[in-house]
Amino acid sequence: MLSGGDADRQLVKPTVLTGASHDLHVWRDEIFGPVTLIERYESLDQALALANDTRFGLQASLFTSNIERALHAFRRLEYGAVVINDPPSFRVDNFPYGGTKASGFGREGVRYTALEYCEHKALILGPMT
């Protein structure tokens, strides 16, 4: 653990974990709190495989100035949306909002409500510097 982990009743201080076993709940399950994990990787493909090693798939983020890496990640990541150069909290009602795997049922959004039985994926590109 790099920082945090302390709790005062129902308040948990922001926590940054390293070296967490992939068998732990904190790695495998959604953590509805201020917790993040840091994992080392050797290549982009290994990082994408680690990101896909979950039963969830709402949104993922990648920070890069390389459009080829961004598009490669978009094609490989098993998430309802891939956000480039911004945190995974993007939502606009005319975009398909929803996840893959165990992250939701169908898509929300004006047009996509009617298409809820399909798998859609969005790519959001931020500034490329």
N, C-alpha and C. Protein backbone atom coordinates (compact mmCIF):
# COMPACT_ATOMS: atom_id res chain seq x y z
N MET A 1 0.85 -1.17 0.00
CA MET A 1 0.00 0.00 0.00
C MET A 1 0.90 1.24 0.00
N LEU A 2 0.61 2.13 -0.94
CA LEU A 2 1.39 3.37 -1.01
C LEU A 2 0.83 4.44 -0.09
N SER A 3 -0.50 4.51 0.02
CA SER A 3 -1.08 5.50 0.92
C SER A 3 -2.52 5.12 1.23
N GLY A 4 -3.05 5.73 2.28
CA GLY A 4 -4.44 5.54 2.66
C GLY A 4 -4.69 4.24 3.39
N GLY A 5 -5.91 3.75 3.25
CA GLY A 5 -6.29 2.51 3.91
C GLY A 5 -6.94 2.72 5.26
N ASP A 6 -6.83 3.91 5.79
CA ASP A 6 -7.41 4.19 7.10
C ASP A 6 -8.90 4.50 6.95
N ALA A 7 -9.66 4.15 7.97
CA ALA A 7 -11.09 4.44 7.96
C ALA A 7 -11.51 5.02 9.30
N ASP A 8 -12.44 5.94 9.25
CA ASP A 8 -13.05 6.52 10.43
C ASP A 8 -14.55 6.35 10.26
N ARG A 9 -15.10 5.33 10.90
CA ARG A 9 -16.49 4.93 10.74
C ARG A 9 -16.75 4.58 9.27
N GLN A 10 -17.57 5.38 8.59
CA GLN A 10 -17.87 5.09 7.19
C GLN A 10 -17.01 5.87 6.20
N LEU A 11 -16.07 6.65 6.70
CA LEU A 11 -15.20 7.45 5.84
C LEU A 11 -13.88 6.70 5.63
N VAL A 12 -13.59 6.39 4.36
CA VAL A 12 -12.34 5.72 4.01
C VAL A 12 -11.45 6.74 3.31
N LYS A 13 -10.23 6.88 3.80
CA LYS A 13 -9.30 7.80 3.16
C LYS A 13 -8.88 7.24 1.81
N PRO A 14 -8.60 8.11 0.83
CA PRO A 14 -8.16 7.63 -0.48
C PRO A 14 -6.98 6.66 -0.32
N THR A 15 -7.06 5.56 -1.06
CA THR A 15 -6.10 4.47 -0.89
C THR A 15 -5.50 4.10 -2.23
N VAL A 16 -4.17 3.95 -2.27
CA VAL A 16 -3.45 3.53 -3.46
C VAL A 16 -2.73 2.23 -3.11
N LEU A 17 -3.04 1.16 -3.85
CA LEU A 17 -2.47 -0.16 -3.59
C LEU A 17 -1.54 -0.57 -4.72
N THR A 18 -0.44 -1.25 -4.35
CA THR A 18 0.45 -1.85 -5.33
C THR A 18 0.67 -3.30 -4.94
N GLY A 19 0.97 -4.13 -5.91
CA GLY A 19 1.30 -5.52 -5.63
C GLY A 19 0.14 -6.35 -5.11
N ALA A 20 -1.10 -5.94 -5.35
CA ALA A 20 -2.25 -6.70 -4.88
C ALA A 20 -2.40 -7.97 -5.72
N SER A 21 -2.62 -9.08 -5.06
CA SER A 21 -2.85 -10.34 -5.76
C SER A 21 -4.12 -10.24 -6.58
N HIS A 22 -4.09 -10.84 -7.76
CA HIS A 22 -5.25 -10.80 -8.64
C HIS A 22 -6.40 -11.65 -8.11
N ASP A 23 -6.18 -12.39 -7.05
CA ASP A 23 -7.24 -13.19 -6.42
C ASP A 23 -8.04 -12.39 -5.39
N LEU A 24 -7.55 -11.24 -4.99
CA LEU A 24 -8.22 -10.45 -3.95
C LEU A 24 -9.47 -9.77 -4.49
N HIS A 25 -10.44 -9.55 -3.61
CA HIS A 25 -11.68 -8.86 -4.00
C HIS A 25 -11.40 -7.47 -4.54
N VAL A 26 -10.39 -6.78 -3.99
CA VAL A 26 -10.08 -5.42 -4.43
C VAL A 26 -9.64 -5.40 -5.89
N TRP A 27 -9.09 -6.49 -6.39
CA TRP A 27 -8.69 -6.60 -7.79
C TRP A 27 -9.85 -7.07 -8.67
N ARG A 28 -10.64 -7.98 -8.16
CA ARG A 28 -11.68 -8.66 -8.93
C ARG A 28 -13.03 -7.96 -8.96
N ASP A 29 -13.37 -7.21 -7.92
CA ASP A 29 -14.71 -6.64 -7.79
C ASP A 29 -14.68 -5.13 -7.86
N GLU A 30 -15.83 -4.56 -8.17
CA GLU A 30 -15.94 -3.10 -8.17
C GLU A 30 -15.82 -2.59 -6.74
N ILE A 31 -15.01 -1.60 -6.55
CA ILE A 31 -14.80 -1.00 -5.24
C ILE A 31 -15.46 0.38 -5.28
N PHE A 32 -16.55 0.51 -4.58
CA PHE A 32 -17.27 1.79 -4.57
C PHE A 32 -16.70 2.67 -3.47
N GLY A 33 -15.50 3.14 -3.71
CA GLY A 33 -14.83 3.99 -2.75
C GLY A 33 -13.56 4.54 -3.37
N PRO A 34 -12.84 5.36 -2.63
CA PRO A 34 -11.65 6.02 -3.16
C PRO A 34 -10.42 5.10 -3.12
N VAL A 35 -10.46 4.04 -3.94
CA VAL A 35 -9.39 3.05 -3.97
C VAL A 35 -8.93 2.86 -5.41
N THR A 36 -7.62 2.83 -5.61
CA THR A 36 -7.07 2.52 -6.93
C THR A 36 -5.91 1.56 -6.77
N LEU A 37 -5.67 0.79 -7.81
CA LEU A 37 -4.57 -0.16 -7.83
C LEU A 37 -3.58 0.25 -8.89
N ILE A 38 -2.31 0.06 -8.60
CA ILE A 38 -1.25 0.30 -9.58
C ILE A 38 -0.60 -1.03 -9.88
N GLU A 39 -0.49 -1.35 -11.16
CA GLU A 39 0.06 -2.63 -11.60
C GLU A 39 1.14 -2.37 -12.65
N ARG A 40 2.27 -3.03 -12.51
CA ARG A 40 3.34 -2.90 -13.51
C ARG A 40 3.03 -3.76 -14.72
N TYR A 41 3.49 -3.32 -15.89
CA TYR A 41 3.34 -4.09 -17.12
C TYR A 41 4.54 -3.82 -18.01
N GLU A 42 4.79 -4.75 -18.92
CA GLU A 42 5.93 -4.64 -19.82
C GLU A 42 5.57 -4.07 -21.19
N SER A 43 4.33 -4.25 -21.62
CA SER A 43 3.92 -3.80 -22.96
C SER A 43 2.48 -3.32 -22.91
N LEU A 44 2.08 -2.59 -23.93
CA LEU A 44 0.70 -2.14 -24.02
C LEU A 44 -0.25 -3.32 -24.07
N ASP A 45 0.09 -4.36 -24.83
CA ASP A 45 -0.79 -5.53 -24.90
C ASP A 45 -0.95 -6.21 -23.55
N GLN A 46 0.11 -6.26 -22.75
CA GLN A 46 -0.01 -6.82 -21.40
C GLN A 46 -0.91 -5.94 -20.54
N ALA A 47 -0.78 -4.63 -20.66
CA ALA A 47 -1.64 -3.72 -19.89
C ALA A 47 -3.10 -3.89 -20.28
N LEU A 48 -3.37 -4.05 -21.57
CA LEU A 48 -4.74 -4.24 -22.03
C LEU A 48 -5.30 -5.57 -21.55
N ALA A 49 -4.48 -6.61 -21.54
CA ALA A 49 -4.92 -7.91 -21.02
C ALA A 49 -5.23 -7.81 -19.53
N LEU A 50 -4.42 -7.09 -18.78
CA LEU A 50 -4.69 -6.88 -17.35
C LEU A 50 -6.01 -6.12 -17.16
N ALA A 51 -6.23 -5.10 -17.98
CA ALA A 51 -7.47 -4.33 -17.88
C ALA A 51 -8.69 -5.19 -18.22
N ASN A 52 -8.54 -6.11 -19.14
CA ASN A 52 -9.65 -6.99 -19.52
C ASN A 52 -9.87 -8.13 -18.54
N ASP A 53 -8.93 -8.37 -17.65
CA ASP A 53 -9.01 -9.49 -16.70
C ASP A 53 -9.96 -9.15 -15.55
N THR A 54 -11.21 -8.91 -15.89
CA THR A 54 -12.23 -8.58 -14.91
C THR A 54 -13.57 -9.03 -15.46
N ARG A 55 -14.52 -9.21 -14.58
CA ARG A 55 -15.86 -9.57 -15.06
C ARG A 55 -16.69 -8.32 -15.34
N PHE A 56 -16.09 -7.14 -15.21
CA PHE A 56 -16.79 -5.89 -15.45
C PHE A 56 -16.25 -5.21 -16.70
N GLY A 57 -16.96 -4.19 -17.18
CA GLY A 57 -16.50 -3.48 -18.36
C GLY A 57 -17.32 -2.25 -18.68
N LEU A 58 -17.40 -1.30 -17.78
CA LEU A 58 -18.18 -0.09 -18.03
C LEU A 58 -17.39 0.88 -18.90
N GLN A 59 -16.32 1.49 -18.36
CA GLN A 59 -15.48 2.39 -19.14
C GLN A 59 -14.02 2.15 -18.76
N ALA A 60 -13.15 2.37 -19.73
CA ALA A 60 -11.70 2.29 -19.52
C ALA A 60 -11.08 3.56 -20.06
N SER A 61 -9.91 3.91 -19.53
CA SER A 61 -9.18 5.09 -19.99
C SER A 61 -7.77 4.72 -20.39
N LEU A 62 -7.26 5.44 -21.37
CA LEU A 62 -5.87 5.32 -21.78
C LEU A 62 -5.35 6.73 -22.03
N PHE A 63 -4.19 7.04 -21.49
CA PHE A 63 -3.58 8.34 -21.70
C PHE A 63 -2.40 8.15 -22.65
N THR A 64 -2.50 8.77 -23.84
CA THR A 64 -1.46 8.64 -24.85
C THR A 64 -1.54 9.80 -25.83
N SER A 65 -0.44 10.10 -26.47
CA SER A 65 -0.43 11.10 -27.55
C SER A 65 -0.32 10.39 -28.90
N ASN A 66 -0.41 9.06 -28.90
CA ASN A 66 -0.25 8.26 -30.11
C ASN A 66 -1.61 7.71 -30.54
N ILE A 67 -2.12 8.19 -31.68
CA ILE A 67 -3.44 7.78 -32.14
C ILE A 67 -3.48 6.28 -32.47
N GLU A 68 -2.39 5.71 -32.96
CA GLU A 68 -2.37 4.28 -33.26
C GLU A 68 -2.53 3.45 -31.99
N ARG A 69 -1.86 3.86 -30.91
CA ARG A 69 -2.04 3.16 -29.62
C ARG A 69 -3.48 3.31 -29.12
N ALA A 70 -4.03 4.50 -29.28
CA ALA A 70 -5.41 4.74 -28.84
C ALA A 70 -6.38 3.82 -29.57
N LEU A 71 -6.24 3.73 -30.89
CA LEU A 71 -7.14 2.89 -31.67
C LEU A 71 -6.92 1.40 -31.39
N HIS A 72 -5.67 1.01 -31.18
CA HIS A 72 -5.36 -0.38 -30.81
C HIS A 72 -6.04 -0.73 -29.49
N ALA A 73 -5.93 0.16 -28.51
CA ALA A 73 -6.57 -0.07 -27.21
C ALA A 73 -8.08 -0.13 -27.37
N PHE A 74 -8.66 0.74 -28.17
CA PHE A 74 -10.10 0.73 -28.40
C PHE A 74 -10.56 -0.62 -28.95
N ARG A 75 -9.82 -1.16 -29.90
CA ARG A 75 -10.20 -2.44 -30.49
C ARG A 75 -10.05 -3.60 -29.51
N ARG A 76 -9.06 -3.55 -28.63
CA ARG A 76 -8.76 -4.67 -27.73
C ARG A 76 -9.52 -4.63 -26.40
N LEU A 77 -9.83 -3.45 -25.90
CA LEU A 77 -10.47 -3.35 -24.58
C LEU A 77 -11.93 -3.79 -24.64
N GLU A 78 -12.32 -4.60 -23.68
CA GLU A 78 -13.68 -5.16 -23.60
C GLU A 78 -14.52 -4.32 -22.64
N TYR A 79 -14.78 -3.09 -23.07
CA TYR A 79 -15.52 -2.13 -22.25
C TYR A 79 -16.58 -1.45 -23.10
N GLY A 80 -17.61 -0.94 -22.46
CA GLY A 80 -18.67 -0.22 -23.17
C GLY A 80 -18.20 1.06 -23.79
N ALA A 81 -17.18 1.68 -23.22
CA ALA A 81 -16.58 2.89 -23.78
C ALA A 81 -15.10 2.92 -23.44
N VAL A 82 -14.33 3.47 -24.34
CA VAL A 82 -12.91 3.68 -24.12
C VAL A 82 -12.68 5.18 -24.23
N VAL A 83 -12.17 5.78 -23.17
CA VAL A 83 -11.95 7.22 -23.10
C VAL A 83 -10.45 7.47 -23.25
N ILE A 84 -10.07 8.31 -24.19
CA ILE A 84 -8.67 8.62 -24.42
C ILE A 84 -8.36 9.99 -23.82
N ASN A 85 -7.36 10.03 -22.96
CA ASN A 85 -6.84 11.25 -22.35
C ASN A 85 -7.84 11.97 -21.45
N ASP A 86 -8.67 11.22 -20.79
CA ASP A 86 -9.61 11.76 -19.80
C ASP A 86 -10.01 10.60 -18.88
N PRO A 87 -10.49 10.90 -17.69
CA PRO A 87 -10.89 9.81 -16.79
C PRO A 87 -12.15 9.09 -17.29
N PRO A 88 -12.38 7.87 -16.83
CA PRO A 88 -13.53 7.09 -17.30
C PRO A 88 -14.82 7.50 -16.62
N SER A 89 -15.28 8.69 -16.93
CA SER A 89 -16.53 9.18 -16.34
C SER A 89 -17.35 9.95 -17.37
N PHE A 90 -17.13 9.65 -18.63
CA PHE A 90 -17.78 10.37 -19.74
C PHE A 90 -19.21 9.90 -19.90
N ARG A 91 -20.14 10.84 -20.03
CA ARG A 91 -21.52 10.49 -20.30
C ARG A 91 -22.23 11.65 -20.98
N VAL A 92 -22.83 11.37 -22.13
CA VAL A 92 -23.67 12.30 -22.87
C VAL A 92 -24.87 11.48 -23.31
N ASP A 93 -26.06 12.01 -23.15
CA ASP A 93 -27.26 11.22 -23.40
C ASP A 93 -27.41 10.70 -24.82
N ASN A 94 -26.81 11.34 -25.82
CA ASN A 94 -26.95 10.81 -27.17
C ASN A 94 -25.85 9.82 -27.54
N PHE A 95 -25.00 9.45 -26.58
CA PHE A 95 -24.01 8.40 -26.75
C PHE A 95 -24.53 7.14 -26.07
N PRO A 96 -24.08 5.97 -26.56
CA PRO A 96 -24.48 4.75 -25.86
C PRO A 96 -23.74 4.66 -24.52
N TYR A 97 -24.47 4.60 -23.43
CA TYR A 97 -23.85 4.51 -22.11
C TYR A 97 -24.23 3.17 -21.50
N GLY A 98 -23.24 2.38 -21.21
CA GLY A 98 -23.44 1.08 -20.60
C GLY A 98 -22.18 0.26 -20.75
N GLY A 99 -22.16 -0.86 -20.08
CA GLY A 99 -20.96 -1.66 -20.07
C GLY A 99 -21.11 -3.00 -20.74
N THR A 100 -20.03 -3.77 -20.68
CA THR A 100 -20.02 -5.14 -21.16
C THR A 100 -19.88 -6.05 -19.96
N LYS A 101 -19.95 -7.34 -20.19
CA LYS A 101 -19.81 -8.34 -19.14
C LYS A 101 -20.83 -8.08 -18.03
N ALA A 102 -20.39 -7.99 -16.78
CA ALA A 102 -21.31 -7.81 -15.65
C ALA A 102 -21.55 -6.34 -15.30
N SER A 103 -21.23 -5.44 -16.21
CA SER A 103 -21.42 -4.00 -15.96
C SER A 103 -22.67 -3.48 -16.65
N GLY A 104 -23.79 -3.92 -16.20
CA GLY A 104 -25.03 -3.33 -16.68
C GLY A 104 -25.81 -4.23 -17.62
N PHE A 105 -26.98 -3.75 -17.95
CA PHE A 105 -27.89 -4.44 -18.83
C PHE A 105 -28.29 -3.49 -19.95
N GLY A 106 -27.77 -3.67 -21.14
CA GLY A 106 -28.11 -2.82 -22.26
C GLY A 106 -27.44 -1.46 -22.20
N ARG A 107 -28.00 -0.53 -22.97
CA ARG A 107 -27.44 0.82 -23.06
C ARG A 107 -28.51 1.84 -22.74
N GLU A 108 -28.07 2.95 -22.18
CA GLU A 108 -28.94 4.09 -21.95
C GLU A 108 -28.63 5.14 -23.00
N GLY A 109 -29.54 6.07 -23.18
CA GLY A 109 -29.38 7.13 -24.15
C GLY A 109 -30.57 7.12 -25.08
N VAL A 110 -30.87 8.28 -25.62
CA VAL A 110 -32.09 8.45 -26.40
C VAL A 110 -32.22 7.39 -27.50
N ARG A 111 -31.28 7.30 -28.39
CA ARG A 111 -31.35 6.35 -29.50
C ARG A 111 -31.09 4.92 -29.06
N TYR A 112 -30.20 4.74 -28.10
CA TYR A 112 -29.70 3.41 -27.76
C TYR A 112 -30.62 2.62 -26.84
N THR A 113 -31.59 3.29 -26.27
CA THR A 113 -32.57 2.56 -25.47
C THR A 113 -33.27 1.53 -26.34
N ALA A 114 -33.59 1.88 -27.58
CA ALA A 114 -34.26 0.96 -28.50
C ALA A 114 -33.34 -0.16 -28.97
N LEU A 115 -32.05 0.04 -28.86
CA LEU A 115 -31.08 -0.96 -29.33
C LEU A 115 -30.42 -1.71 -28.18
N GLU A 116 -31.10 -1.82 -27.05
CA GLU A 116 -30.46 -2.34 -25.84
C GLU A 116 -29.99 -3.78 -25.93
N TYR A 117 -30.41 -4.51 -26.95
CA TYR A 117 -30.00 -5.90 -27.07
C TYR A 117 -28.70 -6.06 -27.86
N CYS A 118 -28.09 -4.96 -28.27
CA CYS A 118 -26.86 -5.01 -29.05
C CYS A 118 -25.67 -4.62 -28.18
N GLU A 119 -24.47 -5.00 -28.61
CA GLU A 119 -23.24 -4.58 -27.94
C GLU A 119 -22.67 -3.38 -28.69
N HIS A 120 -22.62 -2.22 -28.05
CA HIS A 120 -22.07 -1.01 -28.66
C HIS A 120 -20.82 -0.62 -27.90
N LYS A 121 -19.97 0.15 -28.56
CA LYS A 121 -18.73 0.58 -27.95
C LYS A 121 -18.44 2.00 -28.44
N ALA A 122 -18.03 2.88 -27.55
CA ALA A 122 -17.74 4.27 -27.93
C ALA A 122 -16.26 4.56 -27.76
N LEU A 123 -15.73 5.42 -28.60
CA LEU A 123 -14.36 5.91 -28.50
C LEU A 123 -14.42 7.41 -28.31
N ILE A 124 -13.83 7.91 -27.20
CA ILE A 124 -13.82 9.34 -26.92
C ILE A 124 -12.36 9.78 -26.96
N LEU A 125 -12.02 10.63 -27.90
CA LEU A 125 -10.64 11.10 -28.05
C LEU A 125 -10.50 12.48 -27.43
N GLY A 126 -9.59 12.62 -26.50
CA GLY A 126 -9.26 13.92 -25.94
C GLY A 126 -8.13 14.54 -26.72
N PRO A 127 -7.58 15.62 -26.22
CA PRO A 127 -6.49 16.31 -26.93
C PRO A 127 -5.29 15.39 -27.14
N MET A 128 -4.75 15.39 -28.34
CA MET A 128 -3.56 14.60 -28.67
C MET A 128 -2.39 15.55 -28.80
N THR A 129 -1.51 15.53 -27.80
CA THR A 129 -0.37 16.45 -27.85
C THR A 129 0.90 15.72 -28.13
